[in-house]
């Protein structure tokens, strides 16, 4: 899985012609221009599982924000039944923390 490895510029200019540090790392938006469609067939079952896990992560993050870092006894006494705001990070109802940080 070569695409998981860090990728670096080999020259002193970026793909936009801007001056950059010696051998800087390529950022995701820079790599987007170099992306190609997969050469083989896509396993639809595997793709569905990947997409489902990403959606599950976002839902779990949003639903569980107000009980994050709470002890099991608290969660047992106060089970998650609906979207609620608050929690460690003071999120709004349904806000997804992991994606919020990266924006």
PDB file of N, CA and C in Angstrom:
ATOM      1  N   UNK A   1       0.841  -1.171   0.000  1.00  0.00           N
ATOM      2  CA  UNK A   1       0.000   0.000   0.000  1.00  0.00           C
ATOM      3  C   UNK A   1       0.888   1.238   0.000  1.00  0.00           C
ATOM      4  N   UNK A   2       1.472   1.481  -1.111  1.00  0.00           N
ATOM      5  CA  UNK A   2       2.418   2.570  -1.273  1.00  0.00           C
ATOM      6  C   UNK A   2       1.806   3.934  -0.960  1.00  0.00           C
ATOM      7  N   UNK A   3       0.516   4.094  -1.214  1.00  0.00           N
ATOM      8  CA  UNK A   3      -0.125   5.386  -1.003  1.00  0.00           C
ATOM      9  C   UNK A   3      -0.198   5.771   0.469  1.00  0.00           C
ATOM     10  N   UNK A   4       0.040   4.801   1.385  1.00  0.00           N
ATOM     11  CA  UNK A   4       0.045   5.116   2.812  1.00  0.00           C
ATOM     12  C   UNK A   4       1.359   5.755   3.261  1.00  0.00           C
ATOM     13  N   UNK A   5       2.412   5.593   2.461  1.00  0.00           N
ATOM     14  CA  UNK A   5       3.710   6.154   2.818  1.00  0.00           C
ATOM     15  C   UNK A   5       3.715   7.668   2.646  1.00  0.00           C
ATOM     16  N   UNK A   6       4.501   8.365   3.471  1.00  0.00           N
ATOM     17  CA  UNK A   6       4.655   9.806   3.305  1.00  0.00           C
ATOM     18  C   UNK A   6       5.267  10.078   1.944  1.00  0.00           C
ATOM     19  N   UNK A   7       4.832  11.133   1.300  1.00  0.00           N
ATOM     20  CA  UNK A   7       5.368  11.500  -0.006  1.00  0.00           C
ATOM     21  C   UNK A   7       5.948  12.903   0.086  1.00  0.00           C
ATOM     22  N   UNK A   8       7.100  13.092  -0.554  1.00  0.00           N
ATOM     23  CA  UNK A   8       7.844  14.338  -0.452  1.00  0.00           C
ATOM     24  C   UNK A   8       8.074  14.935  -1.837  1.00  0.00           C
ATOM     25  N   UNK A   9       8.217  16.257  -1.879  1.00  0.00           N
ATOM     26  CA  UNK A   9       8.649  16.918  -3.108  1.00  0.00           C
ATOM     27  C   UNK A   9      10.142  16.675  -3.274  1.00  0.00           C
ATOM     28  N   UNK A  10      10.584  16.475  -4.489  1.00  0.00           N
ATOM     29  CA  UNK A  10      12.001  16.230  -4.755  1.00  0.00           C
ATOM     30  C   UNK A  10      12.731  17.473  -5.230  1.00  0.00           C
ATOM     31  N   UNK A  11      12.019  18.580  -5.440  1.00  0.00           N
ATOM     32  CA  UNK A  11      12.660  19.796  -5.924  1.00  0.00           C
ATOM     33  C   UNK A  11      12.349  20.944  -4.977  1.00  0.00           C
ATOM     34  N   UNK A  12      12.796  22.135  -5.345  1.00  0.00           N
ATOM     35  CA  UNK A  12      12.590  23.310  -4.503  1.00  0.00           C
ATOM     36  C   UNK A  12      11.325  24.084  -4.848  1.00  0.00           C
ATOM     37  N   UNK A  13      10.463  23.522  -5.703  1.00  0.00           N
ATOM     38  CA  UNK A  13       9.198  24.188  -6.013  1.00  0.00           C
ATOM     39  C   UNK A  13       8.064  23.203  -5.849  1.00  0.00           C
ATOM     40  N   UNK A  14       6.922  23.702  -5.447  1.00  0.00           N
ATOM     41  CA  UNK A  14       5.745  22.848  -5.306  1.00  0.00           C
ATOM     42  C   UNK A  14       5.087  22.691  -6.659  1.00  0.00           C
ATOM     43  N   UNK A  15       4.026  21.903  -6.719  1.00  0.00           N
ATOM     44  CA  UNK A  15       3.322  21.712  -7.984  1.00  0.00           C
ATOM     45  C   UNK A  15       2.597  22.982  -8.419  1.00  0.00           C
ATOM     46  N   UNK A  16       2.585  23.987  -7.578  1.00  0.00           N
ATOM     47  CA  UNK A  16       1.961  25.262  -7.931  1.00  0.00           C
ATOM     48  C   UNK A  16       3.014  26.285  -8.333  1.00  0.00           C
ATOM     49  N   UNK A  17       4.269  25.881  -8.371  1.00  0.00           N
ATOM     50  CA  UNK A  17       5.334  26.786  -8.755  1.00  0.00           C
ATOM     51  C   UNK A  17       5.793  27.712  -7.643  1.00  0.00           C
ATOM     52  N   UNK A  18       5.355  27.478  -6.416  1.00  0.00           N
ATOM     53  CA  UNK A  18       5.743  28.322  -5.296  1.00  0.00           C
ATOM     54  C   UNK A  18       7.047  27.807  -4.702  1.00  0.00           C
ATOM     55  N   UNK A  19       7.849  28.718  -4.169  1.00  0.00           N
ATOM     56  CA  UNK A  19       9.068  28.311  -3.490  1.00  0.00           C
ATOM     57  C   UNK A  19       8.698  27.627  -2.175  1.00  0.00           C
ATOM     58  N   UNK A  20       9.341  26.506  -1.890  1.00  0.00           N
ATOM     59  CA  UNK A  20       9.055  25.756  -0.670  1.00  0.00           C
ATOM     60  C   UNK A  20      10.357  25.296  -0.042  1.00  0.00           C
ATOM     61  N   UNK A  21      10.265  24.785   1.175  1.00  0.00           N
ATOM     62  CA  UNK A  21      11.435  24.268   1.873  1.00  0.00           C
ATOM     63  C   UNK A  21      12.042  23.107   1.100  1.00  0.00           C
ATOM     64  N   UNK A  22      13.274  22.768   1.419  1.00  0.00           N
ATOM     65  CA  UNK A  22      13.933  21.643   0.774  1.00  0.00           C
ATOM     66  C   UNK A  22      13.227  20.347   1.145  1.00  0.00           C
ATOM     67  N   UNK A  23      12.739  19.636   0.163  1.00  0.00           N
ATOM     68  CA  UNK A  23      12.051  18.354   0.313  1.00  0.00           C
ATOM     69  C   UNK A  23      10.875  18.402   1.292  1.00  0.00           C
ATOM     70  N   UNK A  24       9.924  19.313   1.096  1.00  0.00           N
ATOM     71  CA  UNK A  24       8.758  19.338   1.990  1.00  0.00           C
ATOM     72  C   UNK A  24       7.821  18.167   1.712  1.00  0.00           C
ATOM     73  N   UNK A  25       7.029  17.851   2.703  1.00  0.00           N
ATOM     74  CA  UNK A  25       6.063  16.766   2.557  1.00  0.00           C
ATOM     75  C   UNK A  25       4.885  17.250   1.713  1.00  0.00           C
ATOM     76  N   UNK A  26       4.323  16.354   0.918  1.00  0.00           N
ATOM     77  CA  UNK A  26       3.145  16.681   0.116  1.00  0.00           C
ATOM     78  C   UNK A  26       1.919  16.596   1.017  1.00  0.00           C
ATOM     79  N   UNK A  27       1.062  17.588   0.930  1.00  0.00           N
ATOM     80  CA  UNK A  27      -0.165  17.621   1.722  1.00  0.00           C
ATOM     81  C   UNK A  27      -1.296  16.978   0.926  1.00  0.00           C
ATOM     82  N   UNK A  28      -2.359  16.534   1.610  1.00  0.00           N
ATOM     83  CA  UNK A  28      -3.450  15.845   0.905  1.00  0.00           C
ATOM     84  C   UNK A  28      -4.006  16.612  -0.289  1.00  0.00           C
ATOM     85  N   UNK A  29      -4.160  17.934  -0.156  1.00  0.00           N
ATOM     86  CA  UNK A  29      -4.712  18.678  -1.288  1.00  0.00           C
ATOM     87  C   UNK A  29      -3.742  18.711  -2.466  1.00  0.00           C
ATOM     88  N   UNK A  30      -2.429  18.594  -2.217  1.00  0.00           N
ATOM     89  CA  UNK A  30      -1.448  18.506  -3.298  1.00  0.00           C
ATOM     90  C   UNK A  30      -1.531  17.152  -3.990  1.00  0.00           C
ATOM     91  N   UNK A  31      -1.739  16.102  -3.214  1.00  0.00           N
ATOM     92  CA  UNK A  31      -1.801  14.748  -3.769  1.00  0.00           C
ATOM     93  C   UNK A  31      -3.057  14.524  -4.595  1.00  0.00           C
ATOM     94  N   UNK A  32      -4.103  15.298  -4.326  1.00  0.00           N
ATOM     95  CA  UNK A  32      -5.370  15.120  -5.032  1.00  0.00           C
ATOM     96  C   UNK A  32      -5.186  15.251  -6.542  1.00  0.00           C
ATOM     97  N   UNK A  33      -4.298  16.148  -6.973  1.00  0.00           N
ATOM     98  CA  UNK A  33      -4.061  16.345  -8.404  1.00  0.00           C
ATOM     99  C   UNK A  33      -3.359  15.151  -9.048  1.00  0.00           C
ATOM    100  N   UNK A  34      -2.684  14.332  -8.250  1.00  0.00           N
ATOM    101  CA  UNK A  34      -1.950  13.183  -8.767  1.00  0.00           C
ATOM    102  C   UNK A  34      -2.749  11.885  -8.699  1.00  0.00           C
ATOM    103  N   UNK A  35      -3.942  11.941  -8.117  1.00  0.00           N
ATOM    104  CA  UNK A  35      -4.732  10.721  -7.933  1.00  0.00           C
ATOM    105  C   UNK A  35      -5.219  10.170  -9.261  1.00  0.00           C
ATOM    106  N   UNK A  36      -5.267   8.859  -9.340  1.00  0.00           N
ATOM    107  CA  UNK A  36      -5.772   8.165 -10.518  1.00  0.00           C
ATOM    108  C   UNK A  36      -6.841   7.176 -10.078  1.00  0.00           C
ATOM    109  N   UNK A  37      -7.727   6.839 -10.997  1.00  0.00           N
ATOM    110  CA  UNK A  37      -8.723   5.819 -10.697  1.00  0.00           C
ATOM    111  C   UNK A  37      -8.026   4.479 -10.482  1.00  0.00           C
ATOM    112  N   UNK A  38      -8.585   3.613  -9.650  1.00  0.00           N
ATOM    113  CA  UNK A  38      -7.987   2.291  -9.442  1.00  0.00           C
ATOM    114  C   UNK A  38      -7.869   1.539 -10.763  1.00  0.00           C
ATOM    115  N   UNK A  39      -6.785   0.801 -10.918  1.00  0.00           N
ATOM    116  CA  UNK A  39      -6.547   0.074 -12.171  1.00  0.00           C
ATOM    117  C   UNK A  39      -7.412  -1.179 -12.288  1.00  0.00           C
ATOM    118  N   UNK A  40      -7.840  -1.731 -11.172  1.00  0.00           N
ATOM    119  CA  UNK A  40      -8.641  -2.958 -11.202  1.00  0.00           C
ATOM    120  C   UNK A  40     -10.067  -2.713 -10.765  1.00  0.00           C
ATOM    121  N   UNK A  41     -10.791  -3.801 -10.631  1.00  0.00           N
ATOM    122  CA  UNK A  41     -12.172  -3.718 -10.157  1.00  0.00           C
ATOM    123  C   UNK A  41     -12.202  -3.355  -8.679  1.00  0.00           C
ATOM    124  N   UNK A  42     -13.226  -2.630  -8.292  1.00  0.00           N
ATOM    125  CA  UNK A  42     -13.409  -2.253  -6.892  1.00  0.00           C
ATOM    126  C   UNK A  42     -14.311  -3.288  -6.236  1.00  0.00           C
ATOM    127  N   UNK A  43     -13.882  -3.808  -5.103  1.00  0.00           N
ATOM    128  CA  UNK A  43     -14.683  -4.759  -4.339  1.00  0.00           C
ATOM    129  C   UNK A  43     -15.786  -3.968  -3.635  1.00  0.00           C
ATOM    130  N   UNK A  44     -16.997  -4.010  -4.165  1.00  0.00           N
ATOM    131  CA  UNK A  44     -18.101  -3.206  -3.644  1.00  0.00           C
ATOM    132  C   UNK A  44     -18.416  -3.538  -2.194  1.00  0.00           C
ATOM    133  N   UNK A  45     -18.307  -4.815  -1.813  1.00  0.00           N
ATOM    134  CA  UNK A  45     -18.566  -5.211  -0.429  1.00  0.00           C
ATOM    135  C   UNK A  45     -17.558  -4.548   0.510  1.00  0.00           C
ATOM    136  N   UNK A  46     -16.291  -4.559   0.124  1.00  0.00           N
ATOM    137  CA  UNK A  46     -15.257  -3.929   0.939  1.00  0.00           C
ATOM    138  C   UNK A  46     -15.465  -2.420   1.010  1.00  0.00           C
ATOM    139  N   UNK A  47     -15.796  -1.794  -0.112  1.00  0.00           N
ATOM    140  CA  UNK A  47     -16.053  -0.357  -0.129  1.00  0.00           C
ATOM    141  C   UNK A  47     -17.237  -0.007   0.769  1.00  0.00           C
ATOM    142  N   UNK A  48     -18.298  -0.807   0.725  1.00  0.00           N
ATOM    143  CA  UNK A  48     -19.457  -0.585   1.597  1.00  0.00           C
ATOM    144  C   UNK A  48     -19.064  -0.676   3.069  1.00  0.00           C
ATOM    145  N   UNK A  49     -18.209  -1.632   3.399  1.00  0.00           N
ATOM    146  CA  UNK A  49     -17.770  -1.796   4.788  1.00  0.00           C
ATOM    147  C   UNK A  49     -16.931  -0.603   5.244  1.00  0.00           C
ATOM    148  N   UNK A  50     -16.067  -0.112   4.360  1.00  0.00           N
ATOM    149  CA  UNK A  50     -15.238   1.054   4.691  1.00  0.00           C
ATOM    150  C   UNK A  50     -16.119   2.271   4.920  1.00  0.00           C
ATOM    151  N   UNK A  51     -17.047   2.517   3.997  1.00  0.00           N
ATOM    152  CA  UNK A  51     -17.938   3.668   4.141  1.00  0.00           C
ATOM    153  C   UNK A  51     -18.806   3.537   5.391  1.00  0.00           C
ATOM    154  N   UNK A  52     -19.283   2.341   5.680  1.00  0.00           N
ATOM    155  CA  UNK A  52     -20.085   2.111   6.879  1.00  0.00           C
ATOM    156  C   UNK A  52     -19.305   2.373   8.149  1.00  0.00           C
ATOM    157  N   UNK A  53     -18.034   1.992   8.169  1.00  0.00           N
ATOM    158  CA  UNK A  53     -17.228   2.219   9.367  1.00  0.00           C
ATOM    159  C   UNK A  53     -16.969   3.707   9.580  1.00  0.00           C
ATOM    160  N   UNK A  54     -16.798   4.458   8.494  1.00  0.00           N
ATOM    161  CA  UNK A  54     -16.592   5.903   8.620  1.00  0.00           C
ATOM    162  C   UNK A  54     -17.862   6.575   9.143  1.00  0.00           C
ATOM    163  N   UNK A  55     -19.004   6.183   8.598  1.00  0.00           N
ATOM    164  CA  UNK A  55     -20.275   6.743   9.069  1.00  0.00           C
ATOM    165  C   UNK A  55     -20.515   6.344  10.525  1.00  0.00           C
ATOM    166  N   UNK A  56     -20.221   5.087  10.869  1.00  0.00           N
ATOM    167  CA  UNK A  56     -20.371   4.630  12.251  1.00  0.00           C
ATOM    168  C   UNK A  56     -19.491   5.404  13.213  1.00  0.00           C
ATOM    169  N   UNK A  57     -18.273   5.724  12.780  1.00  0.00           N
ATOM    170  CA  UNK A  57     -17.367   6.504  13.619  1.00  0.00           C
ATOM    171  C   UNK A  57     -17.954   7.895  13.883  1.00  0.00           C
ATOM    172  N   UNK A  58     -18.464   8.531  12.833  1.00  0.00           N
ATOM    173  CA  UNK A  58     -19.039   9.870  12.991  1.00  0.00           C
ATOM    174  C   UNK A  58     -20.270   9.836  13.896  1.00  0.00           C
ATOM    175  N   UNK A  59     -21.139   8.838  13.698  1.00  0.00           N
ATOM    176  CA  UNK A  59     -22.334   8.727  14.542  1.00  0.00           C
ATOM    177  C   UNK A  59     -21.965   8.450  15.992  1.00  0.00           C
ATOM    178  N   UNK A  60     -21.025   7.541  16.204  1.00  0.00           N
ATOM    179  CA  UNK A  60     -20.589   7.238  17.564  1.00  0.00           C
ATOM    180  C   UNK A  60     -19.964   8.443  18.238  1.00  0.00           C
ATOM    181  N   UNK A  61     -19.214   9.214  17.462  1.00  0.00           N
ATOM    182  CA  UNK A  61     -18.594  10.423  17.997  1.00  0.00           C
ATOM    183  C   UNK A  61     -19.661  11.431  18.413  1.00  0.00           C
ATOM    184  N   UNK A  62     -20.660  11.619  17.564  1.00  0.00           N
ATOM    185  CA  UNK A  62     -21.722  12.586  17.861  1.00  0.00           C
ATOM    186  C   UNK A  62     -22.608  12.119  19.013  1.00  0.00           C
ATOM    187  N   UNK A  63     -22.990  10.849  19.013  1.00  0.00           N
ATOM    188  CA  UNK A  63     -23.870  10.330  20.066  1.00  0.00           C
ATOM    189  C   UNK A  63     -23.175  10.237  21.419  1.00  0.00           C
ATOM    190  N   UNK A  64     -21.900   9.905  21.417  1.00  0.00           N
ATOM    191  CA  UNK A  64     -21.208   9.651  22.671  1.00  0.00           C
ATOM    192  C   UNK A  64     -20.431  10.816  23.236  1.00  0.00           C
ATOM    193  N   UNK A  65     -20.507  11.974  22.601  1.00  0.00           N
ATOM    194  CA  UNK A  65     -19.701  13.117  23.038  1.00  0.00           C
ATOM    195  C   UNK A  65     -19.966  13.504  24.490  1.00  0.00           C
ATOM    196  N   UNK A  66     -21.213  13.459  24.918  1.00  0.00           N
ATOM    197  CA  UNK A  66     -21.529  13.915  26.278  1.00  0.00           C
ATOM    198  C   UNK A  66     -21.164  12.892  27.353  1.00  0.00           C
ATOM    199  N   UNK A  67     -20.786  11.686  26.973  1.00  0.00           N
ATOM    200  CA  UNK A  67     -20.366  10.689  27.967  1.00  0.00           C
ATOM    201  C   UNK A  67     -18.886  10.308  27.817  1.00  0.00           C
ATOM    202  N   UNK A  68     -18.192  10.995  26.916  1.00  0.00           N
ATOM    203  CA  UNK A  68     -16.774  10.680  26.704  1.00  0.00           C
ATOM    204  C   UNK A  68     -15.987  10.895  27.995  1.00  0.00           C
ATOM    205  N   UNK A  69     -15.113   9.975  28.299  1.00  0.00           N
ATOM    206  CA  UNK A  69     -14.250   9.981  29.485  1.00  0.00           C
ATOM    207  C   UNK A  69     -15.015   9.795  30.796  1.00  0.00           C
ATOM    208  N   UNK A  70     -16.284   9.449  30.721  1.00  0.00           N
ATOM    209  CA  UNK A  70     -17.064   9.174  31.932  1.00  0.00           C
ATOM    210  C   UNK A  70     -16.854   7.718  32.331  1.00  0.00           C
ATOM    211  N   UNK A  71     -16.946   7.408  33.608  1.00  0.00           N
ATOM    212  CA  UNK A  71     -16.797   6.018  34.039  1.00  0.00           C
ATOM    213  C   UNK A  71     -17.989   5.169  33.597  1.00  0.00           C
ATOM    214  N   UNK A  72     -17.766   3.882  33.537  1.00  0.00           N
ATOM    215  CA  UNK A  72     -18.804   2.936  33.132  1.00  0.00           C
ATOM    216  C   UNK A  72     -20.052   3.089  33.994  1.00  0.00           C
ATOM    217  N   UNK A  73     -19.862   3.310  35.289  1.00  0.00           N
ATOM    218  CA  UNK A  73     -21.015   3.441  36.194  1.00  0.00           C
ATOM    219  C   UNK A  73     -21.900   4.625  35.787  1.00  0.00           C
ATOM    220  N   UNK A  74     -21.303   5.716  35.328  1.00  0.00           N
ATOM    221  CA  UNK A  74     -22.090   6.869  34.878  1.00  0.00           C
ATOM    222  C   UNK A  74     -22.877   6.509  33.623  1.00  0.00           C
ATOM    223  N   UNK A  75     -22.224   5.837  32.683  1.00  0.00           N
ATOM    224  CA  UNK A  75     -22.898   5.483  31.430  1.00  0.00           C
ATOM    225  C   UNK A  75     -24.002   4.462  31.661  1.00  0.00           C
ATOM    226  N   UNK A  76     -23.797   3.577  32.636  1.00  0.00           N
ATOM    227  CA  UNK A  76     -24.832   2.591  32.945  1.00  0.00           C
ATOM    228  C   UNK A  76     -26.054   3.279  33.552  1.00  0.00           C
ATOM    229  N   UNK A  77     -25.820   4.274  34.391  1.00  0.00           N
ATOM    230  CA  UNK A  77     -26.916   5.010  35.021  1.00  0.00           C
ATOM    231  C   UNK A  77     -27.550   6.032  34.071  1.00  0.00           C
ATOM    232  N   UNK A  78     -26.788   6.478  33.061  1.00  0.00           N
ATOM    233  CA  UNK A  78     -27.266   7.501  32.118  1.00  0.00           C
ATOM    234  C   UNK A  78     -27.007   7.046  30.682  1.00  0.00           C
ATOM    235  N   UNK A  79     -27.711   6.022  30.216  1.00  0.00           N
ATOM    236  CA  UNK A  79     -27.432   5.507  28.869  1.00  0.00           C
ATOM    237  C   UNK A  79     -27.730   6.548  27.784  1.00  0.00           C
ATOM    238  N   UNK A  80     -26.976   6.474  26.703  1.00  0.00           N
ATOM    239  CA  UNK A  80     -27.178   7.379  25.575  1.00  0.00           C
ATOM    240  C   UNK A  80     -28.451   6.961  24.852  1.00  0.00           C
ATOM    241  N   UNK A  81     -29.415   7.867  24.801  1.00  0.00           N
ATOM    242  CA  UNK A  81     -30.693   7.584  24.147  1.00  0.00           C
ATOM    243  C   UNK A  81     -30.990   8.571  23.028  1.00  0.00           C
ATOM    244  N   UNK A  82     -30.303   9.714  23.038  1.00  0.00           N
ATOM    245  CA  UNK A  82     -30.577  10.755  22.057  1.00  0.00           C
ATOM    246  C   UNK A  82     -29.335  11.640  21.946  1.00  0.00           C
ATOM    247  N   UNK A  83     -29.313  12.490  20.945  1.00  0.00           N
ATOM    248  CA  UNK A  83     -28.226  13.449  20.813  1.00  0.00           C
ATOM    249  C   UNK A  83     -28.322  14.481  21.922  1.00  0.00           C
ATOM    250  N   UNK A  84     -27.196  14.742  22.571  1.00  0.00           N
ATOM    251  CA  UNK A  84     -27.135  15.751  23.620  1.00  0.00           C
ATOM    252  C   UNK A  84     -25.872  16.566  23.421  1.00  0.00           C
ATOM    253  N   UNK A  85     -25.909  17.803  23.830  1.00  0.00           N
ATOM    254  CA  UNK A  85     -24.730  18.652  23.769  1.00  0.00           C
ATOM    255  C   UNK A  85     -23.918  18.534  25.043  1.00  0.00           C
ATOM    256  N   UNK A  86     -22.785  19.222  25.049  1.00  0.00           N
ATOM    257  CA  UNK A  86     -21.958  19.265  26.252  1.00  0.00           C
ATOM    258  C   UNK A  86     -20.771  18.340  26.171  1.00  0.00           C
ATOM    259  N   UNK A  87     -20.485  17.677  27.270  1.00  0.00           N
ATOM    260  CA  UNK A  87     -19.351  16.771  27.328  1.00  0.00           C
ATOM    261  C   UNK A  87     -18.032  17.491  27.532  1.00  0.00           C
ATOM    262  N   UNK A  88     -16.960  16.743  27.429  1.00  0.00           N
ATOM    263  CA  UNK A  88     -15.613  17.251  27.669  1.00  0.00           C
ATOM    264  C   UNK A  88     -15.283  18.462  26.814  1.00  0.00           C
ATOM    265  N   UNK A  89     -15.713  18.440  25.560  1.00  0.00           N
ATOM    266  CA  UNK A  89     -15.327  19.480  24.605  1.00  0.00           C
ATOM    267  C   UNK A  89     -16.403  20.543  24.425  1.00  0.00           C
ATOM    268  N   UNK A  90     -17.506  20.455  25.156  1.00  0.00           N
ATOM    269  CA  UNK A  90     -18.566  21.449  25.044  1.00  0.00           C
ATOM    270  C   UNK A  90     -19.179  21.520  23.651  1.00  0.00           C
ATOM    271  N   UNK A  91     -19.370  20.359  23.051  1.00  0.00           N
ATOM    272  CA  UNK A  91     -19.908  20.310  21.693  1.00  0.00           C
ATOM    273  C   UNK A  91     -21.396  20.613  21.667  1.00  0.00           C
ATOM    274  N   UNK A  92     -21.852  21.085  20.519  1.00  0.00           N
ATOM    275  CA  UNK A  92     -23.275  21.281  20.327  1.00  0.00           C
ATOM    276  C   UNK A  92     -23.916  19.932  20.037  1.00  0.00           C
ATOM    277  N   UNK A  93     -25.197  19.849  20.214  1.00  0.00           N
ATOM    278  CA  UNK A  93     -25.951  18.620  19.979  1.00  0.00           C
ATOM    279  C   UNK A  93     -25.652  18.078  18.574  1.00  0.00           C
ATOM    280  N   UNK A  94     -25.091  16.863  18.498  1.00  0.00           N
ATOM    281  CA  UNK A  94     -24.819  16.209  17.220  1.00  0.00           C
ATOM    282  C   UNK A  94     -23.530  16.606  16.537  1.00  0.00           C
ATOM    283  N   UNK A  95     -22.762  17.503  17.126  1.00  0.00           N
ATOM    284  CA  UNK A  95     -21.510  17.926  16.501  1.00  0.00           C
ATOM    285  C   UNK A  95     -20.494  16.794  16.553  1.00  0.00           C
ATOM    286  N   UNK A  96     -19.746  16.610  15.480  1.00  0.00           N
ATOM    287  CA  UNK A  96     -18.736  15.559  15.397  1.00  0.00           C
ATOM    288  C   UNK A  96     -17.380  16.180  15.675  1.00  0.00           C
ATOM    289  N   UNK A  97     -16.752  15.802  16.769  1.00  0.00           N
ATOM    290  CA  UNK A  97     -15.504  16.430  17.206  1.00  0.00           C
ATOM    291  C   UNK A  97     -14.339  16.128  16.277  1.00  0.00           C
ATOM    292  N   UNK A  98     -14.155  14.885  15.885  1.00  0.00           N
ATOM    293  CA  UNK A  98     -12.987  14.508  15.093  1.00  0.00           C
ATOM    294  C   UNK A  98     -12.925  15.274  13.787  1.00  0.00           C
ATOM    295  N   UNK A  99     -14.060  15.438  13.113  1.00  0.00           N
ATOM    296  CA  UNK A  99     -14.071  16.162  11.851  1.00  0.00           C
ATOM    297  C   UNK A  99     -13.967  17.663  12.098  1.00  0.00           C
ATOM    298  N   UNK A 100     -14.489  18.118  13.224  1.00  0.00           N
ATOM    299  CA  UNK A 100     -14.468  19.540  13.554  1.00  0.00           C
ATOM    300  C   UNK A 100     -13.031  20.032  13.681  1.00  0.00           C
ATOM    301  N   UNK A 101     -12.177  19.248  14.307  1.00  0.00           N
ATOM    302  CA  UNK A 101     -10.778  19.627  14.495  1.00  0.00           C
ATOM    303  C   UNK A 101     -10.072  19.785  13.154  1.00  0.00           C
ATOM    304  N   UNK A 102     -10.375  18.921  12.204  1.00  0.00           N
ATOM    305  CA  UNK A 102      -9.655  18.909  10.942  1.00  0.00           C
ATOM    306  C   UNK A 102     -10.131  19.950   9.940  1.00  0.00           C
ATOM    307  N   UNK A 103     -11.175  20.689  10.245  1.00  0.00           N
ATOM    308  CA  UNK A 103     -11.680  21.671   9.282  1.00  0.00           C
ATOM    309  C   UNK A 103     -10.924  22.956   9.332  1.00  0.00           C
TER     310      UNK A 103
END
